C-alpha cells in the first residue's frame, strides 16, 4: 500500500511541476495531494515538501487552517475566470452547457474565496 501512495504522491508532484510551468493548470492542489500521499508513504518526502522554500508555506497554511493567501485567492479566481472565458470563446457551448460549467466554476470560486486568508 505504501508503494501505491508513494507513486501517487510522486505523480502529483509531477503534475504540480507541470502546473507551475503551464498557465491555467493548478499547482497547489496537486502538491496538497502529494503531501497527503507522502504522509502515508514517506515521512522524508512529506517533510521535504512541507519545508520547500517556495511551496512549503502554502502547504503548511492549508494543513494548519485550510487557509489560502490573498495572492493565491486572486490567482485562483482569475484563473477560473480566464478559463471560463477561453471555454466559451473556444468551444462555443450551447447555453445549458455554458450555464452548467459557469455554475461549477462559480462554486469553486466561492469555495476559494470563503477559505481563511493566510498571510502572504
PDB file of N, CA and C in Angstrom:
ATOM      1  N   UNK A   1       0.823  -1.198   0.000  1.00  0.00           N
ATOM      2  CA  UNK A   1       0.000   0.000   0.000  1.00  0.00           C
ATOM      3  C   UNK A   1       0.871   1.268   0.000  1.00  0.00           C
ATOM      4  N   UNK A   2       1.966   1.214   0.774  1.00  0.00           N
ATOM      5  CA  UNK A   2       2.866   2.369   0.821  1.00  0.00           C
ATOM      6  C   UNK A   2       3.416   2.721  -0.552  1.00  0.00           C
ATOM      7  N   UNK A   3       3.715   1.696  -1.340  1.00  0.00           N
ATOM      8  CA  UNK A   3       4.258   1.929  -2.683  1.00  0.00           C
ATOM      9  C   UNK A   3       3.237   2.655  -3.551  1.00  0.00           C
ATOM     10  N   UNK A   4       1.983   2.288  -3.429  1.00  0.00           N
ATOM     11  CA  UNK A   4       0.927   2.968  -4.189  1.00  0.00           C
ATOM     12  C   UNK A   4       0.796   4.429  -3.795  1.00  0.00           C
ATOM     13  N   UNK A   5       0.822   4.710  -2.477  1.00  0.00           N
ATOM     14  CA  UNK A   5       0.746   6.107  -2.015  1.00  0.00           C
ATOM     15  C   UNK A   5       1.966   6.898  -2.483  1.00  0.00           C
ATOM     16  N   UNK A   6       3.135   6.253  -2.424  1.00  0.00           N
ATOM     17  CA  UNK A   6       4.357   6.912  -2.875  1.00  0.00           C
ATOM     18  C   UNK A   6       4.286   7.235  -4.357  1.00  0.00           C
ATOM     19  N   UNK A   7       3.841   6.281  -5.167  1.00  0.00           N
ATOM     20  CA  UNK A   7       3.725   6.508  -6.616  1.00  0.00           C
ATOM     21  C   UNK A   7       2.722   7.619  -6.909  1.00  0.00           C
ATOM     22  N   UNK A   8       1.593   7.599  -6.215  1.00  0.00           N
ATOM     23  CA  UNK A   8       0.588   8.647  -6.414  1.00  0.00           C
ATOM     24  C   UNK A   8       1.135  10.010  -5.986  1.00  0.00           C
ATOM     25  N   UNK A   9       1.882  10.044  -4.882  1.00  0.00           N
ATOM     26  CA  UNK A   9       2.496  11.296  -4.431  1.00  0.00           C
ATOM     27  C   UNK A   9       3.483  11.845  -5.440  1.00  0.00           C
ATOM     28  N   UNK A  10       4.322  10.982  -5.978  1.00  0.00           N
ATOM     29  CA  UNK A  10       5.291  11.421  -6.986  1.00  0.00           C
ATOM     30  C   UNK A  10       4.591  11.910  -8.249  1.00  0.00           C
ATOM     31  N   UNK A  11       3.513  11.221  -8.636  1.00  0.00           N
ATOM     32  CA  UNK A  11       2.736  11.651  -9.804  1.00  0.00           C
ATOM     33  C   UNK A  11       2.121  13.033  -9.549  1.00  0.00           C
ATOM     34  N   UNK A  12       1.613  13.252  -8.344  1.00  0.00           N
ATOM     35  CA  UNK A  12       1.031  14.562  -8.015  1.00  0.00           C
ATOM     36  C   UNK A  12       2.094  15.661  -8.022  1.00  0.00           C
ATOM     37  N   UNK A  13       3.308  15.340  -7.547  1.00  0.00           N
ATOM     38  CA  UNK A  13       4.396  16.327  -7.613  1.00  0.00           C
ATOM     39  C   UNK A  13       4.703  16.657  -9.069  1.00  0.00           C
ATOM     40  N   UNK A  14       4.740  15.640  -9.921  1.00  0.00           N
ATOM     41  CA  UNK A  14       4.975  15.869 -11.352  1.00  0.00           C
ATOM     42  C   UNK A  14       3.894  16.783 -11.929  1.00  0.00           C
ATOM     43  N   UNK A  15       2.628  16.507 -11.612  1.00  0.00           N
ATOM     44  CA  UNK A  15       1.540  17.369 -12.099  1.00  0.00           C
ATOM     45  C   UNK A  15       1.674  18.785 -11.532  1.00  0.00           C
ATOM     46  N   UNK A  16       2.108  18.902 -10.279  1.00  0.00           N
ATOM     47  CA  UNK A  16       2.323  20.217  -9.684  1.00  0.00           C
ATOM     48  C   UNK A  16       3.426  20.997 -10.391  1.00  0.00           C
ATOM     49  N   UNK A  17       4.495  20.302 -10.760  1.00  0.00           N
ATOM     50  CA  UNK A  17       5.591  20.950 -11.503  1.00  0.00           C
ATOM     51  C   UNK A  17       5.091  21.404 -12.867  1.00  0.00           C
ATOM     52  N   UNK A  18       4.334  20.557 -13.533  1.00  0.00           N
ATOM     53  CA  UNK A  18       3.770  20.941 -14.829  1.00  0.00           C
ATOM     54  C   UNK A  18       2.855  22.152 -14.652  1.00  0.00           C
ATOM     55  N   UNK A  19       2.059  22.147 -13.577  1.00  0.00           N
ATOM     56  CA  UNK A  19       1.165  23.271 -13.304  1.00  0.00           C
ATOM     57  C   UNK A  19       1.907  24.562 -13.018  1.00  0.00           C
ATOM     58  N   UNK A  20       3.098  24.464 -12.441  1.00  0.00           N
ATOM     59  CA  UNK A  20       3.892  25.667 -12.178  1.00  0.00           C
ATOM     60  C   UNK A  20       4.420  26.277 -13.475  1.00  0.00           C
ATOM     61  N   UNK A  21       4.517  25.458 -14.511  1.00  0.00           N
ATOM     62  CA  UNK A  21       5.051  25.921 -15.794  1.00  0.00           C
ATOM     63  C   UNK A  21       3.933  26.359 -16.744  1.00  0.00           C
ATOM     64  N   UNK A  22       2.866  25.569 -16.800  1.00  0.00           N
ATOM     65  CA  UNK A  22       1.782  25.844 -17.745  1.00  0.00           C
ATOM     66  C   UNK A  22       0.723  26.757 -17.131  1.00  0.00           C
ATOM     67  N   UNK A  23       0.325  27.785 -17.857  1.00  0.00           N
ATOM     68  CA  UNK A  23      -0.747  28.625 -17.342  1.00  0.00           C
ATOM     69  C   UNK A  23      -2.062  27.854 -17.321  1.00  0.00           C
ATOM     70  N   UNK A  24      -2.916  28.193 -16.396  1.00  0.00           N
ATOM     71  CA  UNK A  24      -4.256  27.630 -16.223  1.00  0.00           C
ATOM     72  C   UNK A  24      -4.280  26.212 -15.668  1.00  0.00           C
ATOM     73  N   UNK A  25      -3.127  25.589 -15.457  1.00  0.00           N
ATOM     74  CA  UNK A  25      -3.125  24.281 -14.793  1.00  0.00           C
ATOM     75  C   UNK A  25      -2.739  24.518 -13.341  1.00  0.00           C
ATOM     76  N   UNK A  26      -3.512  23.968 -12.407  1.00  0.00           N
ATOM     77  CA  UNK A  26      -3.226  24.235 -10.996  1.00  0.00           C
ATOM     78  C   UNK A  26      -1.936  23.577 -10.531  1.00  0.00           C
ATOM     79  N   UNK A  27      -1.337  24.171  -9.529  1.00  0.00           N
ATOM     80  CA  UNK A  27      -0.126  23.629  -8.925  1.00  0.00           C
ATOM     81  C   UNK A  27      -0.407  23.173  -7.503  1.00  0.00           C
ATOM     82  N   UNK A  28      -0.956  24.073  -6.716  1.00  0.00           N
ATOM     83  CA  UNK A  28      -1.069  23.848  -5.283  1.00  0.00           C
ATOM     84  C   UNK A  28      -1.909  22.629  -4.941  1.00  0.00           C
ATOM     85  N   UNK A  29      -3.015  22.420  -5.619  1.00  0.00           N
ATOM     86  CA  UNK A  29      -3.870  21.283  -5.274  1.00  0.00           C
ATOM     87  C   UNK A  29      -3.120  19.967  -5.451  1.00  0.00           C
ATOM     88  N   UNK A  30      -2.294  19.873  -6.465  1.00  0.00           N
ATOM     89  CA  UNK A  30      -1.528  18.647  -6.671  1.00  0.00           C
ATOM     90  C   UNK A  30      -0.467  18.472  -5.591  1.00  0.00           C
ATOM     91  N   UNK A  31       0.107  19.582  -5.129  1.00  0.00           N
ATOM     92  CA  UNK A  31       1.106  19.488  -4.058  1.00  0.00           C
ATOM     93  C   UNK A  31       0.445  19.170  -2.723  1.00  0.00           C
ATOM     94  N   UNK A  32      -0.769  19.668  -2.492  1.00  0.00           N
ATOM     95  CA  UNK A  32      -1.514  19.302  -1.284  1.00  0.00           C
ATOM     96  C   UNK A  32      -1.792  17.798  -1.303  1.00  0.00           C
ATOM     97  N   UNK A  33      -2.232  17.297  -2.448  1.00  0.00           N
ATOM     98  CA  UNK A  33      -2.483  15.859  -2.585  1.00  0.00           C
ATOM     99  C   UNK A  33      -1.188  15.062  -2.398  1.00  0.00           C
ATOM    100  N   UNK A  34      -0.092  15.563  -2.954  1.00  0.00           N
ATOM    101  CA  UNK A  34       1.195  14.877  -2.813  1.00  0.00           C
ATOM    102  C   UNK A  34       1.609  14.805  -1.349  1.00  0.00           C
ATOM    103  N   UNK A  35       1.433  15.892  -0.609  1.00  0.00           N
ATOM    104  CA  UNK A  35       1.792  15.896   0.813  1.00  0.00           C
ATOM    105  C   UNK A  35       0.961  14.863   1.580  1.00  0.00           C
ATOM    106  N   UNK A  36      -0.318  14.755   1.234  1.00  0.00           N
ATOM    107  CA  UNK A  36      -1.167  13.750   1.868  1.00  0.00           C
ATOM    108  C   UNK A  36      -0.718  12.331   1.536  1.00  0.00           C
ATOM    109  N   UNK A  37      -0.341  12.116   0.293  1.00  0.00           N
ATOM    110  CA  UNK A  37       0.156  10.798  -0.111  1.00  0.00           C
ATOM    111  C   UNK A  37       1.467  10.471   0.587  1.00  0.00           C
ATOM    112  N   UNK A  38       2.353  11.461   0.680  1.00  0.00           N
ATOM    113  CA  UNK A  38       3.641  11.240   1.330  1.00  0.00           C
ATOM    114  C   UNK A  38       3.469  11.015   2.832  1.00  0.00           C
ATOM    115  N   UNK A  39       2.437  11.616   3.433  1.00  0.00           N
ATOM    116  CA  UNK A  39       2.180  11.380   4.852  1.00  0.00           C
ATOM    117  C   UNK A  39       1.877   9.902   5.105  1.00  0.00           C
ATOM    118  N   UNK A  40       1.359   9.215   4.104  1.00  0.00           N
ATOM    119  CA  UNK A  40       1.021   7.800   4.227  1.00  0.00           C
ATOM    120  C   UNK A  40       2.120   6.869   3.711  1.00  0.00           C
ATOM    121  N   UNK A  41       3.165   7.460   3.102  1.00  0.00           N
ATOM    122  CA  UNK A  41       4.163   6.592   2.485  1.00  0.00           C
ATOM    123  C   UNK A  41       5.607   6.961   2.802  1.00  0.00           C
ATOM    124  N   UNK A  42       5.919   8.251   2.875  1.00  0.00           N
ATOM    125  CA  UNK A  42       7.312   8.665   3.031  1.00  0.00           C
ATOM    126  C   UNK A  42       7.412   9.943   3.866  1.00  0.00           C
ATOM    127  N   UNK A  43       7.624   9.804   5.173  1.00  0.00           N
ATOM    128  CA  UNK A  43       7.772  10.996   6.007  1.00  0.00           C
ATOM    129  C   UNK A  43       8.896  11.923   5.524  1.00  0.00           C
ATOM    130  N   UNK A  44       9.938  11.340   4.939  1.00  0.00           N
ATOM    131  CA  UNK A  44      11.060  12.157   4.440  1.00  0.00           C
ATOM    132  C   UNK A  44      10.606  13.066   3.307  1.00  0.00           C
ATOM    133  N   UNK A  45       9.837  12.531   2.340  1.00  0.00           N
ATOM    134  CA  UNK A  45       9.346  13.353   1.228  1.00  0.00           C
ATOM    135  C   UNK A  45       8.279  14.346   1.700  1.00  0.00           C
ATOM    136  N   UNK A  46       7.465  13.941   2.671  1.00  0.00           N
ATOM    137  CA  UNK A  46       6.478  14.869   3.230  1.00  0.00           C
ATOM    138  C   UNK A  46       7.185  16.058   3.874  1.00  0.00           C
ATOM    139  N   UNK A  47       8.215  15.779   4.659  1.00  0.00           N
ATOM    140  CA  UNK A  47       8.987  16.852   5.304  1.00  0.00           C
ATOM    141  C   UNK A  47       9.643  17.741   4.264  1.00  0.00           C
ATOM    142  N   UNK A  48      10.209  17.143   3.230  1.00  0.00           N
ATOM    143  CA  UNK A  48      10.842  17.921   2.156  1.00  0.00           C
ATOM    144  C   UNK A  48       9.834  18.872   1.512  1.00  0.00           C
ATOM    145  N   UNK A  49       8.639  18.358   1.228  1.00  0.00           N
ATOM    146  CA  UNK A  49       7.618  19.173   0.574  1.00  0.00           C
ATOM    147  C   UNK A  49       7.130  20.289   1.497  1.00  0.00           C
ATOM    148  N   UNK A  50       6.886  19.964   2.771  1.00  0.00           N
ATOM    149  CA  UNK A  50       6.400  20.976   3.718  1.00  0.00           C
ATOM    150  C   UNK A  50       7.449  22.030   4.036  1.00  0.00           C
ATOM    151  N   UNK A  51       8.725  21.686   3.887  1.00  0.00           N
ATOM    152  CA  UNK A  51       9.800  22.651   4.149  1.00  0.00           C
ATOM    153  C   UNK A  51      10.365  23.276   2.879  1.00  0.00           C
ATOM    154  N   UNK A  52       9.749  22.997   1.743  1.00  0.00           N
ATOM    155  CA  UNK A  52      10.210  23.562   0.473  1.00  0.00           C
ATOM    156  C   UNK A  52      10.134  25.088   0.566  1.00  0.00           C
ATOM    157  N   UNK A  53      11.164  25.749   0.077  1.00  0.00           N
ATOM    158  CA  UNK A  53      11.242  27.209   0.200  1.00  0.00           C
ATOM    159  C   UNK A  53      10.082  27.921  -0.481  1.00  0.00           C
ATOM    160  N   UNK A  54       9.645  27.433  -1.624  1.00  0.00           N
ATOM    161  CA  UNK A  54       8.598  28.120  -2.379  1.00  0.00           C
ATOM    162  C   UNK A  54       7.193  27.626  -2.030  1.00  0.00           C
ATOM    163  N   UNK A  55       7.012  26.319  -1.959  1.00  0.00           N
ATOM    164  CA  UNK A  55       5.674  25.755  -1.774  1.00  0.00           C
ATOM    165  C   UNK A  55       5.336  25.441  -0.322  1.00  0.00           C
ATOM    166  N   UNK A  56       6.342  25.300   0.521  1.00  0.00           N
ATOM    167  CA  UNK A  56       6.131  24.907   1.911  1.00  0.00           C
ATOM    168  C   UNK A  56       5.168  25.801   2.693  1.00  0.00           C
ATOM    169  N   UNK A  57       5.345  27.131   2.672  1.00  0.00           N
ATOM    170  CA  UNK A  57       4.434  27.979   3.451  1.00  0.00           C
ATOM    171  C   UNK A  57       2.966  27.817   3.047  1.00  0.00           C
ATOM    172  N   UNK A  58       2.712  27.679   1.757  1.00  0.00           N
ATOM    173  CA  UNK A  58       1.341  27.488   1.276  1.00  0.00           C
ATOM    174  C   UNK A  58       0.777  26.173   1.782  1.00  0.00           C
ATOM    175  N   UNK A  59       1.567  25.119   1.690  1.00  0.00           N
ATOM    176  CA  UNK A  59       1.112  23.802   2.132  1.00  0.00           C
ATOM    177  C   UNK A  59       0.894  23.766   3.646  1.00  0.00           C
ATOM    178  N   UNK A  60       1.782  24.402   4.397  1.00  0.00           N
ATOM    179  CA  UNK A  60       1.625  24.426   5.855  1.00  0.00           C
ATOM    180  C   UNK A  60       0.398  25.226   6.263  1.00  0.00           C
ATOM    181  N   UNK A  61       0.121  26.349   5.580  1.00  0.00           N
ATOM    182  CA  UNK A  61      -1.067  27.151   5.886  1.00  0.00           C
ATOM    183  C   UNK A  61      -2.334  26.363   5.596  1.00  0.00           C
ATOM    184  N   UNK A  62      -2.326  25.623   4.493  1.00  0.00           N
ATOM    185  CA  UNK A  62      -3.501  24.805   4.151  1.00  0.00           C
ATOM    186  C   UNK A  62      -3.702  23.706   5.190  1.00  0.00           C
ATOM    187  N   UNK A  63      -2.616  23.052   5.555  1.00  0.00           N
ATOM    188  CA  UNK A  63      -2.707  21.945   6.505  1.00  0.00           C
ATOM    189  C   UNK A  63      -3.138  22.433   7.887  1.00  0.00           C
ATOM    190  N   UNK A  64      -2.637  23.580   8.310  1.00  0.00           N
ATOM    191  CA  UNK A  64      -2.936  24.073   9.660  1.00  0.00           C
ATOM    192  C   UNK A  64      -4.342  24.654   9.776  1.00  0.00           C
ATOM    193  N   UNK A  65      -4.750  25.462   8.791  1.00  0.00           N
ATOM    194  CA  UNK A  65      -6.008  26.204   8.919  1.00  0.00           C
ATOM    195  C   UNK A  65      -6.916  26.111   7.701  1.00  0.00           C
ATOM    196  N   UNK A  66      -6.499  25.386   6.678  1.00  0.00           N
ATOM    197  CA  UNK A  66      -7.281  25.386   5.443  1.00  0.00           C
ATOM    198  C   UNK A  66      -7.257  26.756   4.798  1.00  0.00           C
ATOM    199  N   UNK A  67      -6.150  27.486   5.004  1.00  0.00           N
ATOM    200  CA  UNK A  67      -6.051  28.883   4.575  1.00  0.00           C
ATOM    201  C   UNK A  67      -5.366  29.014   3.222  1.00  0.00           C
ATOM    202  N   UNK A  68      -5.784  30.032   2.481  1.00  0.00           N
ATOM    203  CA  UNK A  68      -5.208  30.371   1.180  1.00  0.00           C
ATOM    204  C   UNK A  68      -4.806  31.840   1.245  1.00  0.00           C
ATOM    205  N   UNK A  69      -3.633  32.174   0.744  1.00  0.00           N
ATOM    206  CA  UNK A  69      -3.181  33.563   0.765  1.00  0.00           C
ATOM    207  C   UNK A  69      -4.060  34.430  -0.136  1.00  0.00           C
ATOM    208  N   UNK A  70      -4.071  35.715   0.143  1.00  0.00           N
ATOM    209  CA  UNK A  70      -4.843  36.651  -0.686  1.00  0.00           C
ATOM    210  C   UNK A  70      -4.369  36.576  -2.140  1.00  0.00           C
ATOM    211  N   UNK A  71      -3.067  36.528  -2.317  1.00  0.00           N
ATOM    212  CA  UNK A  71      -2.491  36.407  -3.663  1.00  0.00           C
ATOM    213  C   UNK A  71      -2.954  35.107  -4.333  1.00  0.00           C
ATOM    214  N   UNK A  72      -3.000  34.018  -3.574  1.00  0.00           N
ATOM    215  CA  UNK A  72      -3.465  32.740  -4.106  1.00  0.00           C
ATOM    216  C   UNK A  72      -4.932  32.772  -4.492  1.00  0.00           C
ATOM    217  N   UNK A  73      -5.737  33.438  -3.663  1.00  0.00           N
ATOM    218  CA  UNK A  73      -7.165  33.559  -3.969  1.00  0.00           C
ATOM    219  C   UNK A  73      -7.381  34.356  -5.251  1.00  0.00           C
ATOM    220  N   UNK A  74      -6.640  35.446  -5.377  1.00  0.00           N
ATOM    221  CA  UNK A  74      -6.761  36.277  -6.580  1.00  0.00           C
ATOM    222  C   UNK A  74      -6.323  35.485  -7.810  1.00  0.00           C
ATOM    223  N   UNK A  75      -5.200  34.767  -7.686  1.00  0.00           N
ATOM    224  CA  UNK A  75      -4.712  33.973  -8.817  1.00  0.00           C
ATOM    225  C   UNK A  75      -5.705  32.876  -9.184  1.00  0.00           C
ATOM    226  N   UNK A  76      -6.261  32.192  -8.183  1.00  0.00           N
ATOM    227  CA  UNK A  76      -7.207  31.108  -8.458  1.00  0.00           C
ATOM    228  C   UNK A  76      -8.481  31.632  -9.112  1.00  0.00           C
ATOM    229  N   UNK A  77      -9.036  32.702  -8.563  1.00  0.00           N
ATOM    230  CA  UNK A  77     -10.278  33.244  -9.132  1.00  0.00           C
ATOM    231  C   UNK A  77     -10.046  33.850 -10.514  1.00  0.00           C
ATOM    232  N   UNK A  78      -8.883  34.447 -10.716  1.00  0.00           N
ATOM    233  CA  UNK A  78      -8.547  34.968 -12.046  1.00  0.00           C
ATOM    234  C   UNK A  78      -8.402  33.826 -13.044  1.00  0.00           C
ATOM    235  N   UNK A  79      -7.752  32.749 -12.625  1.00  0.00           N
ATOM    236  CA  UNK A  79      -7.599  31.585 -13.493  1.00  0.00           C
ATOM    237  C   UNK A  79      -8.938  30.947 -13.832  1.00  0.00           C
ATOM    238  N   UNK A  80      -9.825  30.882 -12.850  1.00  0.00           N
ATOM    239  CA  UNK A  80     -11.165  30.343 -13.094  1.00  0.00           C
ATOM    240  C   UNK A  80     -11.894  31.208 -14.115  1.00  0.00           C
ATOM    241  N   UNK A  81     -11.817  32.517 -13.942  1.00  0.00           N
ATOM    242  CA  UNK A  81     -12.483  33.437 -14.868  1.00  0.00           C
ATOM    243  C   UNK A  81     -11.903  33.321 -16.273  1.00  0.00           C
ATOM    244  N   UNK A  82     -10.588  33.340 -16.359  1.00  0.00           N
ATOM    245  CA  UNK A  82      -9.935  33.223 -17.669  1.00  0.00           C
ATOM    246  C   UNK A  82     -10.264  31.882 -18.322  1.00  0.00           C
ATOM    247  N   UNK A  83     -10.253  30.823 -17.527  1.00  0.00           N
ATOM    248  CA  UNK A  83     -10.593  29.511 -18.058  1.00  0.00           C
ATOM    249  C   UNK A  83     -12.005  29.469 -18.621  1.00  0.00           C
ATOM    250  N   UNK A  84     -12.943  30.117 -17.926  1.00  0.00           N
ATOM    251  CA  UNK A  84     -14.325  30.137 -18.413  1.00  0.00           C
ATOM    252  C   UNK A  84     -14.431  30.953 -19.708  1.00  0.00           C
ATOM    253  N   UNK A  85     -13.738  32.073 -19.750  1.00  0.00           N
ATOM    254  CA  UNK A  85     -13.762  32.897 -20.967  1.00  0.00           C
ATOM    255  C   UNK A  85     -13.199  32.101 -22.148  1.00  0.00           C
ATOM    256  N   UNK A  86     -12.061  31.444 -21.934  1.00  0.00           N
ATOM    257  CA  UNK A  86     -11.466  30.643 -23.009  1.00  0.00           C
ATOM    258  C   UNK A  86     -12.384  29.500 -23.420  1.00  0.00           C
ATOM    259  N   UNK A  87     -13.057  28.896 -22.449  1.00  0.00           N
ATOM    260  CA  UNK A  87     -14.006  27.821 -22.751  1.00  0.00           C
ATOM    261  C   UNK A  87     -15.146  28.334 -23.630  1.00  0.00           C
ATOM    262  N   UNK A  88     -15.740  29.447 -23.249  1.00  0.00           N
ATOM    263  CA  UNK A  88     -16.891  29.939 -24.015  1.00  0.00           C
ATOM    264  C   UNK A  88     -16.483  30.442 -25.397  1.00  0.00           C
ATOM    265  N   UNK A  89     -15.337  31.110 -25.480  1.00  0.00           N
ATOM    266  CA  UNK A  89     -14.882  31.629 -26.770  1.00  0.00           C
ATOM    267  C   UNK A  89     -14.415  30.492 -27.675  1.00  0.00           C
ATOM    268  N   UNK A  90     -13.711  29.523 -27.115  1.00  0.00           N
ATOM    269  CA  UNK A  90     -13.143  28.452 -27.931  1.00  0.00           C
ATOM    270  C   UNK A  90     -14.117  27.345 -28.275  1.00  0.00           C
ATOM    271  N   UNK A  91     -15.018  27.002 -27.349  1.00  0.00           N
ATOM    272  CA  UNK A  91     -15.903  25.851 -27.569  1.00  0.00           C
ATOM    273  C   UNK A  91     -17.283  26.247 -28.084  1.00  0.00           C
ATOM    274  N   UNK A  92     -17.657  27.499 -27.935  1.00  0.00           N
ATOM    275  CA  UNK A  92     -18.996  27.952 -28.327  1.00  0.00           C
ATOM    276  C   UNK A  92     -20.072  26.971 -27.828  1.00  0.00           C
ATOM    277  N   UNK A  93     -20.123  26.746 -26.508  1.00  0.00           N
ATOM    278  CA  UNK A  93     -21.045  25.739 -25.991  1.00  0.00           C
ATOM    279  C   UNK A  93     -22.502  26.189 -26.088  1.00  0.00           C
ATOM    280  N   UNK A  94     -23.385  25.225 -26.080  1.00  0.00           N
ATOM    281  CA  UNK A  94     -24.807  25.536 -26.009  1.00  0.00           C
ATOM    282  C   UNK A  94     -25.075  26.199 -24.657  1.00  0.00           C
ATOM    283  N   UNK A  95     -26.166  26.913 -24.565  1.00  0.00           N
ATOM    284  CA  UNK A  95     -26.477  27.684 -23.359  1.00  0.00           C
ATOM    285  C   UNK A  95     -26.487  26.807 -22.113  1.00  0.00           C
ATOM    286  N   UNK A  96     -27.119  25.631 -22.177  1.00  0.00           N
ATOM    287  CA  UNK A  96     -27.214  24.781 -20.991  1.00  0.00           C
ATOM    288  C   UNK A  96     -25.841  24.347 -20.500  1.00  0.00           C
ATOM    289  N   UNK A  97     -24.917  24.061 -21.419  1.00  0.00           N
ATOM    290  CA  UNK A  97     -23.574  23.652 -21.033  1.00  0.00           C
ATOM    291  C   UNK A  97     -22.795  24.835 -20.473  1.00  0.00           C
ATOM    292  N   UNK A  98     -22.920  25.988 -21.110  1.00  0.00           N
ATOM    293  CA  UNK A  98     -22.235  27.187 -20.624  1.00  0.00           C
ATOM    294  C   UNK A  98     -22.687  27.522 -19.198  1.00  0.00           C
ATOM    295  N   UNK A  99     -23.977  27.404 -18.941  1.00  0.00           N
ATOM    296  CA  UNK A  99     -24.502  27.704 -17.600  1.00  0.00           C
ATOM    297  C   UNK A  99     -24.078  26.652 -16.577  1.00  0.00           C
ATOM    298  N   UNK A 100     -24.041  25.399 -16.998  1.00  0.00           N
ATOM    299  CA  UNK A 100     -23.604  24.335 -16.091  1.00  0.00           C
ATOM    300  C   UNK A 100     -22.146  24.516 -15.699  1.00  0.00           C
ATOM    301  N   UNK A 101     -21.302  24.771 -16.683  1.00  0.00           N
ATOM    302  CA  UNK A 101     -19.877  24.993 -16.406  1.00  0.00           C
ATOM    303  C   UNK A 101     -19.708  26.252 -15.555  1.00  0.00           C
ATOM    304  N   UNK A 102     -20.461  27.301 -15.858  1.00  0.00           N
ATOM    305  CA  UNK A 102     -20.394  28.531 -15.066  1.00  0.00           C
ATOM    306  C   UNK A 102     -20.772  28.257 -13.613  1.00  0.00           C
ATOM    307  N   UNK A 103     -21.794  27.440 -13.389  1.00  0.00           N
ATOM    308  CA  UNK A 103     -22.222  27.125 -12.022  1.00  0.00           C
ATOM    309  C   UNK A 103     -21.124  26.379 -11.256  1.00  0.00           C
ATOM    310  N   UNK A 104     -20.499  25.395 -11.904  1.00  0.00           N
ATOM    311  CA  UNK A 104     -19.414  24.659 -11.241  1.00  0.00           C
ATOM    312  C   UNK A 104     -18.225  25.565 -10.957  1.00  0.00           C
ATOM    313  N   UNK A 105     -17.865  26.394 -11.915  1.00  0.00           N
ATOM    314  CA  UNK A 105     -16.722  27.289 -11.721  1.00  0.00           C
ATOM    315  C   UNK A 105     -17.025  28.343 -10.661  1.00  0.00           C
ATOM    316  N   UNK A 106     -18.231  28.851 -10.637  1.00  0.00           N
ATOM    317  CA  UNK A 106     -18.629  29.809  -9.609  1.00  0.00           C
ATOM    318  C   UNK A 106     -18.575  29.160  -8.229  1.00  0.00           C
ATOM    319  N   UNK A 107     -19.035  27.914  -8.129  1.00  0.00           N
ATOM    320  CA  UNK A 107     -18.971  27.201  -6.851  1.00  0.00           C
ATOM    321  C   UNK A 107     -17.520  27.052  -6.386  1.00  0.00           C
ATOM    322  N   UNK A 108     -16.623  26.758  -7.317  1.00  0.00           N
ATOM    323  CA  UNK A 108     -15.196  26.654  -6.980  1.00  0.00           C
ATOM    324  C   UNK A 108     -14.639  27.989  -6.519  1.00  0.00           C
ATOM    325  N   UNK A 109     -14.990  29.057  -7.209  1.00  0.00           N
ATOM    326  CA  UNK A 109     -14.509  30.389  -6.838  1.00  0.00           C
ATOM    327  C   UNK A 109     -15.045  30.796  -5.460  1.00  0.00           C
ATOM    328  N   UNK A 110     -16.298  30.482  -5.185  1.00  0.00           N
ATOM    329  CA  UNK A 110     -16.876  30.796  -3.877  1.00  0.00           C
ATOM    330  C   UNK A 110     -16.160  30.016  -2.780  1.00  0.00           C
ATOM    331  N   UNK A 111     -15.863  28.752  -3.055  1.00  0.00           N
ATOM    332  CA  UNK A 111     -15.131  27.950  -2.069  1.00  0.00           C
ATOM    333  C   UNK A 111     -13.757  28.570  -1.783  1.00  0.00           C
ATOM    334  N   UNK A 112     -13.031  28.917  -2.837  1.00  0.00           N
ATOM    335  CA  UNK A 112     -11.700  29.521  -2.668  1.00  0.00           C
ATOM    336  C   UNK A 112     -11.809  30.824  -1.866  1.00  0.00           C
ATOM    337  N   UNK A 113     -12.756  31.659  -2.243  1.00  0.00           N
ATOM    338  CA  UNK A 113     -12.905  32.963  -1.581  1.00  0.00           C
ATOM    339  C   UNK A 113     -13.334  32.815  -0.120  1.00  0.00           C
ATOM    340  N   UNK A 114     -14.046  31.730   0.199  1.00  0.00           N
ATOM    341  CA  UNK A 114     -14.558  31.567   1.558  1.00  0.00           C
ATOM    342  C   UNK A 114     -13.543  30.988   2.527  1.00  0.00           C
ATOM    343  N   UNK A 115     -12.421  30.506   2.031  1.00  0.00           N
ATOM    344  CA  UNK A 115     -11.403  29.940   2.915  1.00  0.00           C
ATOM    345  C   UNK A 115     -10.745  31.040   3.730  1.00  0.00           C
ATOM    346  N   UNK A 116     -10.223  30.716   4.911  1.00  0.00           N
ATOM    347  CA  UNK A 116      -9.486  31.728   5.680  1.00  0.00           C
ATOM    348  C   UNK A 116      -8.303  32.264   4.863  1.00  0.00           C
ATOM    349  N   UNK A 117      -7.950  33.500   5.114  1.00  0.00           N
ATOM    350  CA  UNK A 117      -6.846  34.124   4.386  1.00  0.00           C
ATOM    351  C   UNK A 117      -5.545  33.959   5.172  1.00  0.00           C
ATOM    352  N   UNK A 118      -4.570  33.332   4.543  1.00  0.00           N
ATOM    353  CA  UNK A 118      -3.232  33.185   5.138  1.00  0.00           C
ATOM    354  C   UNK A 118      -2.435  34.437   4.814  1.00  0.00           C
ATOM    355  N   UNK A 119      -1.435  34.710   5.620  1.00  0.00           N
ATOM    356  CA  UNK A 119      -0.573  35.849   5.335  1.00  0.00           C
ATOM    357  C   UNK A 119       0.319  35.505   4.144  1.00  0.00           C
ATOM    358  N   UNK A 120       0.551  36.490   3.284  1.00  0.00           N
ATOM    359  CA  UNK A 120       1.375  36.271   2.071  1.00  0.00           C
ATOM    360  C   UNK A 120       2.829  36.121   2.412  1.00  0.00           C
TER     361      UNK A 120
END
